[in-house]
């Protein structure tokens, strides 16, 4: 499982970072930063939650 972001869609709302704090963060410029883009099975719930809460559908799991 890997998270991908469509940077052209991402608006920096930060909901995904709140839903997946071990995987995602917003940098000082409001840009999405991956702490890890490939998660362990234990991160799967957080990754799915991040995808689900994104208001602009900029994240997907592959």
Protein backbone atom coordinates (compact mmCIF):
# COMPACT_ATOMS: atom_id res chain seq x y z
CA UNK A 1 0.00 0.00 0.00
CA UNK A 2 1.26 3.45 -0.92
CA UNK A 3 -0.30 6.92 -0.65
CA UNK A 4 -0.11 9.19 -3.66
CA UNK A 5 -1.01 12.87 -3.81
CA UNK A 6 -2.15 14.84 -6.82
CA UNK A 7 -0.32 18.06 -5.97
CA UNK A 8 -2.32 20.00 -8.55
CA UNK A 9 -5.48 19.27 -6.53
CA UNK A 10 -4.07 19.59 -2.99
CA UNK A 11 -5.09 22.86 -1.32
CA UNK A 12 -3.33 22.28 2.01
CA UNK A 13 -6.40 21.91 4.20
CA UNK A 14 -4.50 19.52 6.48
CA UNK A 15 -7.38 17.18 7.25
CA UNK A 16 -5.36 14.26 5.91
CA UNK A 17 -2.45 15.09 8.23
CA UNK A 18 -4.86 15.11 11.15
CA UNK A 19 -6.24 11.73 10.11
CA UNK A 20 -2.82 10.16 9.48
CA UNK A 21 -0.26 11.91 11.71
CA UNK A 22 2.25 9.07 11.43
CA UNK A 23 2.19 9.32 7.60
CA UNK A 24 1.53 12.96 6.66
CA UNK A 25 2.29 16.50 7.78
CA UNK A 26 2.00 20.00 6.39
CA UNK A 27 5.28 21.87 6.03
CA UNK A 28 5.77 25.54 6.91
CA UNK A 29 4.46 26.58 3.48
CA UNK A 30 1.26 24.53 3.80
CA UNK A 31 2.56 21.87 1.40
CA UNK A 32 1.75 18.25 2.10
CA UNK A 33 4.82 16.33 3.24
CA UNK A 34 5.02 12.57 3.46
CA UNK A 35 6.62 11.29 6.62
CA UNK A 36 6.35 7.87 4.99
CA UNK A 37 4.48 7.14 1.78
CA UNK A 38 4.60 3.38 2.16
CA UNK A 39 2.96 2.30 5.34
CA UNK A 40 2.99 -0.86 7.31
CA UNK A 41 -0.22 -2.78 7.75
CA UNK A 42 -0.71 -0.97 11.05
CA UNK A 43 -0.85 2.35 9.13
CA UNK A 44 -3.57 1.14 6.75
CA UNK A 45 -6.43 2.56 8.80
CA UNK A 46 -4.76 5.98 8.97
CA UNK A 47 -4.02 5.96 5.23
CA UNK A 48 -7.62 5.09 4.38
CA UNK A 49 -8.86 7.81 6.75
CA UNK A 50 -6.59 10.39 5.09
CA UNK A 51 -7.96 9.52 1.66
CA UNK A 52 -11.52 9.62 2.96
CA UNK A 53 -11.29 13.07 4.62
CA UNK A 54 -9.58 14.92 1.77
CA UNK A 55 -12.14 17.49 0.60
CA UNK A 56 -10.56 17.85 -2.85
CA UNK A 57 -9.86 14.15 -3.50
CA UNK A 58 -6.12 14.73 -3.85
CA UNK A 59 -5.04 11.46 -2.19
CA UNK A 60 -5.34 7.88 -3.32
CA UNK A 61 -4.10 4.49 -2.20
CA UNK A 62 -2.24 2.29 -4.66
